[in-house]
N, C-alpha and C. Protein backbone atom coordinates (compact mmCIF):
# COMPACT_ATOMS: atom_id res chain seq x y z
N MET A 1 0.75 -1.24 0.00
CA MET A 1 0.21 -0.14 0.00
C MET A 1 0.76 1.05 -0.03
N PHE A 2 0.18 2.69 -0.30
CA PHE A 2 1.30 3.79 -0.58
C PHE A 2 -0.01 4.54 -0.61
N GLY A 3 0.27 5.49 0.85
CA GLY A 3 -0.58 6.51 0.78
C GLY A 3 -2.12 5.84 0.79
N GLY A 4 -2.43 4.55 1.39
CA GLY A 4 -3.50 4.02 1.17
C GLY A 4 -4.44 3.57 -0.05
N ARG A 5 -3.29 3.61 -0.75
CA ARG A 5 -3.57 2.75 -2.55
C ARG A 5 -2.34 1.75 -2.76
N GLU A 6 -2.85 1.05 -3.47
CA GLU A 6 -1.50 0.07 -4.08
C GLU A 6 -0.69 0.98 -4.99
N PHE A 7 0.31 0.62 -4.73
CA PHE A 7 1.56 0.88 -5.76
C PHE A 7 1.10 0.55 -6.92
N PRO A 8 1.40 1.01 -7.91
CA PRO A 8 0.99 0.90 -9.59
C PRO A 8 2.33 -0.22 -9.91
N ALA A 9 1.98 -1.35 -10.33
CA ALA A 9 3.03 -2.23 -11.31
C ALA A 9 3.83 -1.80 -11.44
N ALA A 10 3.81 -0.79 -12.74
CA ALA A 10 4.72 -0.06 -13.60
C ALA A 10 5.55 0.65 -12.76
N ALA A 11 5.38 1.70 -11.35
CA ALA A 11 5.97 2.22 -10.80
C ALA A 11 6.84 0.93 -10.47
N LEU A 12 6.50 0.17 -9.95
CA LEU A 12 7.47 -1.21 -9.30
C LEU A 12 8.51 -1.36 -10.32
N ILE A 13 8.21 -1.91 -11.30
CA ILE A 13 9.29 -2.36 -11.90
C ILE A 13 10.33 -1.40 -12.64
N ILE A 14 9.69 0.02 -12.64
CA ILE A 14 10.50 1.13 -13.22
C ILE A 14 11.59 1.39 -11.87
N LEU A 15 10.63 1.17 -10.48
CA LEU A 15 11.90 0.80 -9.81
C LEU A 15 13.03 -0.14 -9.67
N GLU A 16 12.68 -1.01 -9.84
CA GLU A 16 13.66 -2.36 -10.07
C GLU A 16 14.76 -2.22 -10.83
N VAL A 17 14.10 -1.79 -12.31
CA VAL A 17 15.07 -1.83 -13.11
C VAL A 17 16.32 -0.56 -12.78
N CYS A 18 15.72 0.92 -12.46
CA CYS A 18 16.39 1.45 -11.72
C CYS A 18 17.71 1.55 -10.52
N ALA A 19 16.91 0.12 -9.90
CA ALA A 19 17.67 -0.38 -8.77
C ALA A 19 18.88 -0.75 -9.33
N ILE A 20 18.60 -1.90 -10.34
CA ILE A 20 19.73 -2.48 -11.15
C ILE A 20 20.21 -1.70 -12.01
N VAL A 21 20.11 -0.68 -12.87
CA VAL A 21 21.16 0.21 -13.36
C VAL A 21 21.66 0.60 -12.23
N ALA A 22 21.46 1.27 -11.04
CA ALA A 22 22.27 1.96 -10.66
C ALA A 22 23.10 1.19 -9.53
N GLY A 23 23.13 -0.35 -9.67
CA GLY A 23 23.76 -1.55 -9.18
C GLY A 23 24.78 -1.56 -10.24
N VAL A 24 24.58 -1.65 -11.20
CA VAL A 24 25.61 -1.75 -12.80
C VAL A 24 26.70 -0.97 -12.36
N LEU A 25 25.80 0.25 -12.17
CA LEU A 25 26.95 1.96 -12.35
C LEU A 25 28.00 1.68 -11.65
N ILE A 26 27.25 1.58 -10.34
CA ILE A 26 28.28 1.34 -8.94
C ILE A 26 29.31 0.38 -9.06
N GLY A 27 28.83 -0.66 -10.00
CA GLY A 27 30.15 -1.99 -9.93
C GLY A 27 30.98 -1.56 -10.82
N PHE A 28 30.24 -0.55 -11.94
CA PHE A 28 31.46 -0.15 -13.18
C PHE A 28 32.52 1.01 -12.51
N MET A 29 31.57 1.83 -11.74
CA MET A 29 32.43 3.05 -11.16
C MET A 29 33.71 2.22 -10.27
N VAL A 30 33.26 1.17 -9.39
CA VAL A 30 33.96 0.70 -8.41
C VAL A 30 35.05 -0.23 -9.29
N ASN A 31 34.75 -1.15 -10.03
CA ASN A 31 36.03 -1.25 -10.96
C ASN A 31 37.16 -0.87 -11.57
N GLU A 32 36.73 0.43 -11.90
CA GLU A 32 37.31 1.55 -12.90
C GLU A 32 38.38 2.26 -11.53
N TRP A 33 37.65 2.45 -10.26
CA TRP A 33 38.70 2.89 -9.48
C TRP A 33 39.43 2.25 -9.32
N ARG A 34 39.14 0.93 -9.03
CA ARG A 34 40.36 -0.32 -8.98
C ARG A 34 41.27 -0.55 -9.88
N GLU A 35 40.87 -0.72 -10.82
CA GLU A 35 41.77 -0.17 -12.13
C GLU A 35 42.74 0.84 -12.03
N ASN A 36 42.11 1.98 -12.13
CA ASN A 36 43.08 3.45 -12.11
C ASN A 36 43.85 3.23 -10.42
N ARG A 37 43.41 2.84 -9.59
CA ARG A 37 44.38 2.64 -8.67
C ARG A 37 45.65 1.51 -9.04
N ASN A 38 45.21 0.51 -9.28
CA ASN A 38 46.31 -0.49 -9.92
C ASN A 38 46.99 -0.22 -10.89
N ASN A 39 46.64 0.77 -11.93
CA ASN A 39 47.35 1.40 -12.67
C ASN A 39 48.41 2.79 -12.32
N GLN A 40 47.89 3.09 -11.13
CA GLN A 40 48.73 4.49 -10.44
C GLN A 40 50.34 3.82 -9.70
N ARG A 41 49.78 2.43 -9.36
CA ARG A 41 50.72 1.73 -8.59
C ARG A 41 51.80 1.42 -9.53
N MET A 42 51.51 0.57 -10.60
CA MET A 42 51.84 0.39 -11.71
C MET A 42 52.87 1.40 -12.02
N ALA A 43 52.56 2.43 -12.17
CA ALA A 43 53.20 3.93 -13.08
C ALA A 43 54.49 4.03 -12.35
N ALA A 44 53.57 4.18 -10.73
CA ALA A 44 54.72 4.30 -9.63
C ALA A 44 56.15 3.32 -9.93
N GLY A 45 55.70 2.41 -9.87
CA GLY A 45 56.98 1.60 -9.80
C GLY A 45 57.74 1.42 -11.34
N VAL A 46 57.01 1.86 -12.25
CA VAL A 46 57.84 1.94 -13.76
C VAL A 46 58.47 3.51 -13.99
N LEU A 47 57.96 4.61 -12.36
CA LEU A 47 58.70 5.39 -12.72
C LEU A 47 60.42 5.62 -11.76
N GLU A 48 59.87 4.34 -10.68
CA GLU A 48 61.08 3.84 -9.63
C GLU A 48 62.22 3.03 -10.36
N ASN A 49 61.87 2.36 -11.40
CA ASN A 49 62.68 1.57 -12.79
C ASN A 49 63.43 2.94 -13.36
N ILE A 50 62.41 3.33 -13.85
CA ILE A 50 63.11 4.66 -14.64
C ILE A 50 64.40 5.76 -14.10
N ALA A 51 63.72 5.99 -12.77
CA ALA A 51 64.90 6.70 -11.76
C ALA A 51 65.83 6.19 -11.77
N ALA A 52 65.68 4.76 -11.43
CA ALA A 52 67.37 4.11 -11.16
C ALA A 52 68.23 3.65 -12.22
N GLU A 53 67.19 3.66 -13.43
CA GLU A 53 68.46 3.57 -14.80
C GLU A 53 68.61 5.04 -14.87
N MET A 54 68.28 5.89 -14.56
CA MET A 54 68.79 7.51 -14.88
C MET A 54 69.88 7.67 -14.16
N ALA A 55 70.04 7.17 -12.53
CA ALA A 55 70.82 7.34 -11.98
C ALA A 55 72.07 6.41 -12.13
N PHE A 56 71.71 5.12 -12.94
CA PHE A 56 73.18 4.98 -13.51
C PHE A 56 73.57 5.16 -14.51
N ASN A 57 72.79 5.96 -15.35
CA ASN A 57 73.36 6.47 -16.80
C ASN A 57 73.84 7.69 -16.14
N HIS A 58 73.33 8.48 -15.00
CA HIS A 58 74.02 9.48 -14.82
C HIS A 58 75.55 9.70 -14.28
N GLN A 59 75.62 8.61 -13.55
CA GLN A 59 77.17 7.62 -13.56
C GLN A 59 78.04 7.50 -14.29
N GLN A 60 77.66 6.61 -15.27
CA GLN A 60 78.51 6.44 -16.35
C GLN A 60 78.83 7.91 -17.10
N MET A 61 77.60 8.74 -17.41
CA MET A 61 78.36 9.83 -18.26
C MET A 61 79.30 10.74 -17.34
N GLU A 62 79.16 10.54 -16.07
CA GLU A 62 79.81 11.37 -15.10
C GLU A 62 81.24 10.66 -15.48
N SER A 63 81.40 9.32 -15.26
CA SER A 63 82.62 8.47 -15.35
C SER A 63 83.51 9.17 -16.77
N THR A 64 82.59 8.59 -18.03
CA THR A 64 82.76 8.92 -19.05
C THR A 64 83.56 9.95 -19.54
N PHE A 65 82.80 10.75 -19.04
CA PHE A 65 83.54 12.56 -19.70
C PHE A 65 84.88 12.74 -18.51
N SER A 66 84.96 12.44 -17.28
CA SER A 66 85.70 12.74 -16.67
C SER A 66 86.98 12.09 -17.40
N TYR A 67 87.04 10.65 -18.06
CA TYR A 67 88.17 10.00 -18.30
C TYR A 67 88.37 10.57 -19.54
N TYR A 68 87.30 11.15 -20.46
CA TYR A 68 87.43 11.19 -22.03
C TYR A 68 88.10 12.35 -21.74
N HIS A 69 87.74 13.41 -21.04
CA HIS A 69 88.34 14.84 -20.83
C HIS A 69 90.02 14.60 -20.47
N SER A 70 90.20 13.92 -19.75
CA SER A 70 91.66 13.43 -19.31
C SER A 70 92.15 13.23 -20.56
N ILE A 71 92.05 12.17 -20.99
CA ILE A 71 92.59 11.89 -22.72
C ILE A 71 92.72 12.48 -23.42
N LEU A 72 91.90 13.53 -23.96
CA LEU A 72 91.73 14.40 -24.80
C LEU A 72 92.78 15.69 -24.24
N ALA A 73 92.86 16.17 -22.91
CA ALA A 73 93.95 17.29 -23.02
C ALA A 73 95.20 16.77 -22.91
N LYS A 74 95.65 15.23 -22.55
CA LYS A 74 96.92 14.22 -22.98
C LYS A 74 96.86 14.43 -24.40
N ILE A 75 96.05 14.10 -25.25
CA ILE A 75 96.41 14.14 -26.58
C ILE A 75 96.60 15.83 -27.21
N ASP A 76 95.95 16.49 -26.97
CA ASP A 76 96.24 17.97 -26.91
C ASP A 76 97.28 18.41 -26.74
N SER A 77 97.88 18.22 -25.52
CA SER A 77 99.27 18.22 -25.18
C SER A 77 100.09 17.66 -26.07
N LEU A 78 100.08 16.69 -25.94
CA LEU A 78 101.27 16.06 -26.88
C LEU A 78 101.08 16.65 -28.35
N THR A 79 100.09 17.00 -28.56
CA THR A 79 99.65 17.40 -30.24
C THR A 79 100.65 18.62 -30.02
N THR A 80 100.21 19.44 -29.50
CA THR A 80 101.03 20.62 -29.60
C THR A 80 102.84 20.73 -29.12
N GLU A 81 103.08 19.75 -28.81
CA GLU A 81 104.45 19.35 -28.70
C GLU A 81 105.17 19.09 -30.18
N ASP A 82 104.52 17.82 -30.87
CA ASP A 82 104.72 17.07 -31.84
C ASP A 82 103.92 16.71 -32.52
N PRO A 83 103.14 17.36 -33.23
CA PRO A 83 101.64 16.82 -34.35
C PRO A 83 102.05 16.09 -34.82
N GLU A 84 103.33 15.42 -35.58
CA GLU A 84 103.52 14.32 -36.74
C GLU A 84 103.65 13.36 -35.52
N MET A 85 104.16 13.37 -34.58
CA MET A 85 104.57 11.95 -33.58
C MET A 85 102.87 11.85 -33.19
N VAL A 86 101.78 12.42 -32.88
CA VAL A 86 100.76 11.76 -32.50
C VAL A 86 100.26 11.74 -33.70
N ARG A 87 100.28 11.71 -35.07
CA ARG A 87 99.32 11.10 -35.96
C ARG A 87 100.08 9.53 -36.12
N ASN A 88 101.27 8.96 -35.77
CA ASN A 88 101.50 7.48 -35.68
C ASN A 88 101.50 7.01 -33.77
N MET A 89 100.87 7.64 -33.02
CA MET A 89 100.65 6.72 -31.98
C MET A 89 99.11 6.42 -31.81
N TYR A 90 99.50 5.28 -30.69
CA TYR A 90 97.66 4.52 -30.36
C TYR A 90 97.67 5.13 -29.05
N GLY A 91 95.95 4.41 -28.84
CA GLY A 91 95.87 5.21 -27.37
C GLY A 91 96.60 4.47 -26.10
N HIS A 92 97.23 3.37 -26.56
CA HIS A 92 97.94 2.63 -25.19
C HIS A 92 99.30 3.25 -25.05
N GLN A 93 99.55 4.20 -25.95
CA GLN A 93 100.95 5.00 -25.60
C GLN A 93 100.68 6.03 -24.87
N VAL A 94 99.44 6.66 -24.33
CA VAL A 94 98.95 7.76 -23.75
C VAL A 94 98.77 7.47 -22.59
N ASP A 95 99.76 7.78 -21.54
CA ASP A 95 99.14 7.84 -20.04
C ASP A 95 97.87 7.86 -19.33
N GLY A 96 97.44 6.87 -18.75
CA GLY A 96 96.22 7.21 -18.42
C GLY A 96 95.08 5.98 -19.44
N TRP A 97 95.61 5.73 -20.11
CA TRP A 97 94.55 5.21 -21.12
C TRP A 97 93.77 3.63 -20.49
N HIS A 98 92.62 3.43 -20.17
CA HIS A 98 92.01 2.45 -20.15
C HIS A 98 90.96 2.04 -20.92
N GLY A 99 91.38 2.04 -22.79
CA GLY A 99 90.42 1.83 -23.33
C GLY A 99 89.70 2.61 -24.13
N ALA A 100 88.40 2.28 -24.97
CA ALA A 100 87.50 3.35 -25.51
C ALA A 100 86.36 3.38 -24.24
N GLN A 101 85.97 2.53 -23.62
CA GLN A 101 85.14 2.88 -22.50
C GLN A 101 83.94 3.40 -23.28
N PRO A 102 82.91 3.10 -23.76
CA PRO A 102 82.12 4.11 -24.20
C PRO A 102 80.97 3.59 -22.70
N PRO A 103 80.01 4.46 -22.72
CA PRO A 103 79.28 4.77 -21.87
C PRO A 103 78.05 3.94 -21.35
N MET A 104 77.66 3.14 -22.55
CA MET A 104 76.89 2.49 -22.34
C MET A 104 75.49 2.62 -21.29
N LEU A 105 74.67 3.51 -21.97
CA LEU A 105 73.55 4.01 -21.13
C LEU A 105 72.41 2.93 -21.38
N ARG A 106 71.75 3.02 -20.52
CA ARG A 106 70.42 2.18 -20.65
C ARG A 106 68.92 2.68 -20.80
N SER A 107 68.00 1.92 -21.41
CA SER A 107 66.71 2.45 -21.70
C SER A 107 65.72 1.75 -21.52
N SER A 108 66.28 0.26 -20.91
CA SER A 108 65.07 -0.59 -21.03
C SER A 108 64.03 -0.02 -20.11
N ALA A 109 64.23 0.49 -19.00
CA ALA A 109 63.15 0.81 -18.24
C ALA A 109 61.91 1.74 -18.73
N TYR A 110 62.63 2.68 -19.54
CA TYR A 110 61.75 3.70 -20.43
C TYR A 110 61.13 2.87 -21.59
N GLN A 111 61.62 1.89 -22.21
CA GLN A 111 61.36 1.20 -22.98
C GLN A 111 60.11 0.11 -22.76
N MET A 112 59.99 0.11 -21.80
CA MET A 112 59.06 -1.23 -21.13
C MET A 112 57.59 -0.23 -21.11
N ALA A 113 58.06 1.18 -20.21
CA ALA A 113 56.85 1.72 -20.25
C ALA A 113 56.52 2.45 -21.53
N LEU A 114 56.66 2.42 -22.57
CA LEU A 114 55.86 2.48 -24.20
C LEU A 114 55.62 1.16 -24.64
N THR A 115 56.37 0.09 -24.43
CA THR A 115 56.07 -1.01 -24.86
C THR A 115 54.36 -1.38 -24.60
N THR A 116 54.49 -1.17 -22.88
CA THR A 116 53.13 -1.78 -22.07
C THR A 116 52.14 -0.97 -22.34
N GLY A 117 52.88 0.34 -22.65
CA GLY A 117 51.19 1.44 -22.44
C GLY A 117 51.17 1.91 -21.43
N ILE A 118 51.91 1.61 -20.35
CA ILE A 118 51.89 2.29 -19.10
C ILE A 118 52.11 3.27 -19.08
N ILE A 119 52.65 4.05 -19.95
CA ILE A 119 52.98 5.54 -20.29
C ILE A 119 51.95 6.72 -20.27
N LYS A 120 50.71 5.99 -20.57
CA LYS A 120 49.64 6.45 -20.87
C LYS A 120 48.98 6.70 -19.39
N ASP A 121 49.36 6.57 -18.32
CA ASP A 121 49.14 6.42 -17.11
C ASP A 121 49.88 7.65 -16.46
N PHE A 122 51.26 8.42 -16.91
CA PHE A 122 51.65 9.00 -16.90
C PHE A 122 50.85 10.78 -16.92
N PRO A 123 51.43 11.62 -15.86
CA PRO A 123 51.20 12.72 -16.32
C PRO A 123 52.11 13.41 -18.06
N ILE A 124 50.96 14.35 -18.68
CA ILE A 124 51.28 14.48 -19.60
C ILE A 124 52.69 15.11 -19.81
N GLU A 125 52.74 15.94 -18.92
CA GLU A 125 54.04 16.79 -18.58
C GLU A 125 55.13 15.63 -18.20
N THR A 126 55.36 14.79 -17.61
CA THR A 126 55.93 13.67 -17.77
C THR A 126 56.48 12.81 -18.52
N ALA A 127 55.45 12.00 -19.00
CA ALA A 127 55.47 11.57 -20.17
C ALA A 127 56.42 12.63 -21.56
N THR A 128 56.06 13.82 -21.74
CA THR A 128 56.51 14.72 -22.57
C THR A 128 57.94 14.98 -21.96
N LYS A 129 58.34 15.03 -20.82
CA LYS A 129 59.78 15.48 -20.52
C LYS A 129 60.86 14.12 -20.75
N LEU A 130 59.83 12.96 -20.14
CA LEU A 130 60.82 11.72 -20.51
C LEU A 130 61.22 11.75 -21.46
N ALA A 131 60.47 11.97 -22.83
CA ALA A 131 60.21 11.49 -24.02
C ALA A 131 61.63 12.43 -24.44
N ASN A 132 61.73 13.63 -24.23
CA ASN A 132 62.63 14.85 -24.24
C ASN A 132 64.00 14.25 -23.84
N ILE A 133 63.99 13.68 -22.51
CA ILE A 133 65.44 13.24 -22.08
C ILE A 133 65.78 11.93 -22.96
N TYR A 134 65.18 10.97 -23.13
CA TYR A 134 65.52 9.78 -24.11
C TYR A 134 65.91 9.83 -25.40
N ASN A 135 65.13 10.70 -25.88
CA ASN A 135 65.49 11.20 -27.42
C ASN A 135 66.62 11.84 -27.48
N THR A 136 67.36 12.55 -26.48
CA THR A 136 68.28 13.50 -26.61
C THR A 136 69.59 12.25 -26.04
N GLN A 137 69.31 11.53 -25.38
CA GLN A 137 70.02 10.46 -24.88
C GLN A 137 70.47 9.00 -25.84
N SER A 138 69.37 9.22 -26.97
CA SER A 138 69.44 7.98 -27.81
C SER A 138 71.10 8.51 -29.02
N VAL A 139 71.14 9.73 -28.75
CA VAL A 139 72.27 10.03 -29.58
C VAL A 139 73.46 9.48 -29.43
N ILE A 140 73.86 9.53 -27.47
CA ILE A 140 74.84 8.78 -27.17
C ILE A 140 74.68 7.02 -27.24
N GLU A 141 73.54 6.47 -27.11
CA GLU A 141 73.36 4.96 -27.95
C GLU A 141 73.52 4.97 -29.12
N ARG A 142 73.68 5.75 -30.43
CA ARG A 142 74.01 5.61 -31.38
C ARG A 142 75.28 5.85 -31.57
N LEU A 143 76.26 6.70 -30.79
CA LEU A 143 77.37 6.89 -31.01
C LEU A 143 77.92 5.37 -30.25
N ASP A 144 77.32 5.12 -29.47
CA ASP A 144 78.14 3.88 -28.85
C ASP A 144 77.97 2.63 -29.69
N ASP A 145 76.74 2.29 -30.59
CA ASP A 145 76.81 1.33 -31.47
C ASP A 145 77.84 1.75 -32.58
N SER A 146 78.03 3.00 -33.08
CA SER A 146 79.16 3.16 -33.89
C SER A 146 80.77 2.94 -33.49
N MET A 147 80.92 3.32 -32.37
CA MET A 147 82.01 3.08 -31.67
C MET A 147 82.59 1.36 -31.56
N ILE A 148 81.27 0.86 -31.36
CA ILE A 148 81.59 -0.25 -31.05
C ILE A 148 81.91 -1.27 -32.39
N MET A 149 81.06 -0.81 -33.28
CA MET A 149 81.56 -1.32 -34.81
C MET A 149 82.64 -0.82 -35.46
N ARG A 150 82.74 0.30 -35.01
CA ARG A 150 84.26 1.11 -35.78
C ARG A 150 85.37 -0.05 -34.94
N PHE A 151 85.10 -0.12 -33.62
CA PHE A 151 86.27 -0.66 -32.92
C PHE A 151 86.83 -2.65 -33.38
N THR A 152 85.42 -2.79 -33.50
CA THR A 152 85.29 -4.57 -34.52
C THR A 152 85.77 -4.77 -35.87
N THR A 153 85.71 -3.29 -36.24
CA THR A 153 86.23 -3.78 -38.28
C THR A 153 87.26 -2.84 -38.08
N ASP A 154 87.99 -1.89 -37.56
CA ASP A 154 88.98 -0.89 -37.85
C ASP A 154 90.15 -1.24 -37.04
N HIS A 155 90.98 -1.94 -37.61
CA HIS A 155 92.48 -2.60 -36.77
C HIS A 155 92.91 -1.07 -36.39
N GLY A 156 92.79 0.24 -37.30
CA GLY A 156 93.41 1.44 -36.51
C GLY A 156 92.87 2.31 -35.89
N PHE A 157 91.61 1.68 -34.99
CA PHE A 157 90.48 2.09 -34.57
C PHE A 157 90.89 3.26 -33.32
N ALA A 158 92.19 2.48 -32.57
CA ALA A 158 92.85 3.21 -31.46
C ALA A 158 93.82 4.19 -31.94
N ALA A 159 94.04 4.75 -32.85
CA ALA A 159 95.15 5.73 -33.49
C ALA A 159 94.47 6.84 -32.84
N LEU A 160 95.22 7.68 -32.56
CA LEU A 160 95.18 8.88 -31.48
C LEU A 160 94.21 10.06 -32.52
N PRO A 161 94.67 10.06 -33.90
CA PRO A 161 93.86 11.15 -34.33
C PRO A 161 92.32 10.40 -34.31
N THR A 162 91.90 9.07 -34.53
CA THR A 162 90.75 8.74 -34.45
C THR A 162 90.19 8.78 -33.24
N ILE A 163 90.45 8.28 -32.00
CA ILE A 163 90.09 8.65 -30.60
C ILE A 163 90.20 10.14 -30.57
N ARG A 164 90.69 10.63 -31.07
CA ARG A 164 90.83 12.28 -30.50
C ARG A 164 89.24 12.60 -30.97
N HIS A 165 88.90 12.91 -32.35
CA HIS A 165 87.48 12.82 -33.30
C HIS A 165 86.67 12.20 -32.23
N LEU A 166 86.35 10.80 -31.98
CA LEU A 166 85.44 10.21 -31.00
C LEU A 166 85.44 10.74 -29.86
N PHE A 167 86.25 10.93 -29.05
CA PHE A 167 86.22 10.85 -27.80
C PHE A 167 85.66 12.56 -27.84
N GLY A 168 85.84 13.30 -28.63
CA GLY A 168 85.43 14.98 -28.94
C GLY A 168 84.32 14.80 -28.98
N ILE A 169 83.60 13.96 -29.42
CA ILE A 169 82.11 13.75 -30.17
C ILE A 169 81.40 13.68 -29.07
N TYR A 170 81.73 12.68 -27.85
CA TYR A 170 81.11 12.44 -26.73
C TYR A 170 81.38 13.82 -25.93
N TRP A 171 82.42 14.36 -25.70
CA TRP A 171 82.94 15.25 -24.91
C TRP A 171 81.95 16.42 -24.85
N GLU A 172 81.32 16.41 -26.59
CA GLU A 172 80.44 17.60 -26.81
C GLU A 172 79.14 17.33 -26.30
N VAL A 173 78.66 16.00 -26.57
CA VAL A 173 77.12 15.46 -26.57
C VAL A 173 76.76 14.98 -24.97
N ILE A 174 77.49 14.55 -24.10
CA ILE A 174 77.49 14.58 -22.86
C ILE A 174 76.71 15.41 -22.23
N PRO A 175 77.49 16.65 -22.36
CA PRO A 175 77.07 17.91 -21.37
C PRO A 175 75.33 18.15 -21.92
N SER A 176 74.97 17.93 -22.90
CA SER A 176 73.67 18.24 -23.50
C SER A 176 72.99 17.20 -23.03
N VAL A 177 73.05 15.89 -23.12
CA VAL A 177 72.12 14.86 -22.00
C VAL A 177 71.73 14.80 -20.98
N MET A 178 73.01 15.09 -20.47
CA MET A 178 73.14 15.38 -19.03
C MET A 178 72.02 16.71 -18.05
N LEU A 179 72.18 17.75 -19.31
CA LEU A 179 71.36 19.20 -19.06
C LEU A 179 69.83 18.71 -18.72
N GLY A 180 69.45 17.51 -19.88
CA GLY A 180 68.07 17.21 -19.43
C GLY A 180 67.84 16.16 -17.90
N TYR A 181 68.91 15.69 -17.68
CA TYR A 181 68.73 15.02 -16.40
C TYR A 181 68.86 15.97 -15.44
N GLN A 182 69.28 16.68 -15.41
CA GLN A 182 69.42 17.86 -14.45
C GLN A 182 68.63 18.69 -14.44
N LYS A 183 67.83 19.14 -15.62
CA LYS A 183 66.94 20.55 -15.29
C LYS A 183 65.36 19.61 -15.49
N GLU A 184 65.32 18.63 -16.07
CA GLU A 184 64.26 17.67 -15.80
C GLU A 184 63.80 16.90 -15.44
N GLY A 185 64.87 15.73 -15.47
CA GLY A 185 64.83 14.62 -14.67
C GLY A 185 64.85 14.86 -13.27
N LEU A 186 65.52 15.75 -12.22
CA LEU A 186 65.72 16.05 -11.11
C LEU A 186 64.11 16.26 -10.52
N GLU A 187 63.62 17.08 -11.04
CA GLU A 187 62.61 17.52 -11.00
C GLU A 187 61.54 16.47 -10.88
N LEU A 188 61.47 15.47 -12.38
CA LEU A 188 60.09 14.89 -12.30
C LEU A 188 60.32 13.54 -11.47
N LEU A 189 61.56 13.31 -11.05
CA LEU A 189 62.37 12.04 -10.41
C LEU A 189 63.03 12.05 -9.24
N ARG A 190 62.75 12.62 -8.73
CA ARG A 190 63.77 13.09 -7.10
C ARG A 190 62.70 12.15 -6.32
N ASP A 191 61.60 12.03 -6.12
CA ASP A 191 60.86 11.47 -5.25
C ASP A 191 61.01 9.88 -5.52
N TYR A 192 61.12 9.45 -6.81
CA TYR A 192 61.05 8.31 -6.95
C TYR A 192 62.49 7.48 -6.77
N GLY A 193 63.99 8.50 -6.38
CA GLY A 193 64.77 7.69 -6.32
C GLY A 193 66.35 8.37 -7.28
N TYR A 194 65.77 8.87 -8.51
CA TYR A 194 66.92 10.29 -8.83
C TYR A 194 67.24 10.93 -8.19
N ASP A 195 68.11 11.71 -7.60
CA ASP A 195 68.52 13.26 -6.88
C ASP A 195 69.97 12.97 -6.94
N LEU A 196 70.18 12.89 -8.11
CA LEU A 196 71.92 12.94 -8.06
C LEU A 196 72.21 14.39 -8.64
N GLU A 197 72.78 15.13 -8.14
CA GLU A 197 73.42 16.53 -8.58
C GLU A 197 74.67 16.33 -9.06
N LEU A 198 75.36 17.06 -10.22
CA LEU A 198 76.61 17.06 -10.61
C LEU A 198 77.55 17.52 -9.48
N ARG A 199 78.54 16.81 -9.15
CA ARG A 199 79.66 17.49 -8.84
C ARG A 199 80.07 18.73 -9.44
N ASP A 200 81.19 19.79 -8.25
CA ASP A 200 81.56 20.22 -9.13
C ASP A 200 82.87 20.28 -9.92
N GLY A 201 83.18 20.71 -11.03
CA GLY A 201 84.07 20.09 -11.97
C GLY A 201 83.49 20.79 -13.38
N PHE A 202 84.19 20.11 -14.64
CA PHE A 202 84.94 20.78 -15.84
C PHE A 202 83.31 19.98 -16.61
N LEU A 203 82.51 19.07 -15.91
CA LEU A 203 81.40 18.84 -16.84
C LEU A 203 80.30 19.30 -16.42
N LYS A 204 80.16 20.03 -14.74
CA LYS A 204 78.95 20.39 -14.48
C LYS A 204 79.47 22.38 -14.91
N GLU A 205 80.25 22.52 -15.28
CA GLU A 205 80.31 23.71 -15.66
C GLU A 205 79.85 23.77 -16.93
N ARG A 206 80.26 23.00 -17.98
CA ARG A 206 79.82 22.99 -19.51
C ARG A 206 78.15 22.71 -19.52
N VAL A 207 77.90 21.87 -18.33
CA VAL A 207 76.51 21.96 -18.48
C VAL A 207 75.53 22.85 -17.84
N ASP A 208 76.09 23.79 -16.56
CA ASP A 208 75.59 25.29 -16.66
C ASP A 208 76.02 25.85 -17.64
N LEU A 209 77.07 25.92 -18.89
CA LEU A 209 77.10 26.98 -20.04
C LEU A 209 75.65 26.60 -20.85
N TYR A 210 75.53 25.22 -21.03
CA TYR A 210 74.47 25.37 -22.10
C TYR A 210 72.79 25.43 -21.75
N ALA A 211 72.93 25.35 -20.24
CA ALA A 211 71.80 25.98 -19.76
C ALA A 211 71.51 27.37 -19.55
N SER A 212 72.67 28.01 -19.96
CA SER A 212 72.57 29.67 -20.29
C SER A 212 72.43 29.71 -21.39
N PHE A 213 72.12 29.02 -22.42
CA PHE A 213 71.70 29.74 -23.70
C PHE A 213 70.67 29.93 -23.49
């Protein structure tokens, strides 16, 4: 009874349908909330992996730049003293020579984010800045591939003029990549584990110089 009268059957059916629809919608909303929460957790985990990857790359670039800077300075000093002699010298004849040592940067964590589609759950600014960082970094990765190919096919690879040219390219490129790490990477990933700042030295001076352009 409703107000002394029977509730119309049609109204009861409408109420039942509304209840069913509301239940289905609530179920969808709960499932979507759970899925979004899981996606956010996965995205956070991937960002932690990217931060660890960038920390490794940071250390590789710092170490490589320091080593190449030292070798380049010694080659230039020898060239000033006797250019003809340098044309006939090889890397092992330079004090402090420890081989080519390309930095061999990693990008697997970022590539995994792209491949699995998890990157769509990143804020657009985060996704854009990471793309900029890794696109710039890919220049070094291509240099690594070129150096390894040269090393395995060219018996004269370690001649000082060749070393001077290749090391010089890295010397120019590494500060550009590190600028992205310091300018954008620290802001994005400090809370996820990438918190390395450049030590005082020539690399920091070069990065600061590039940042001023």
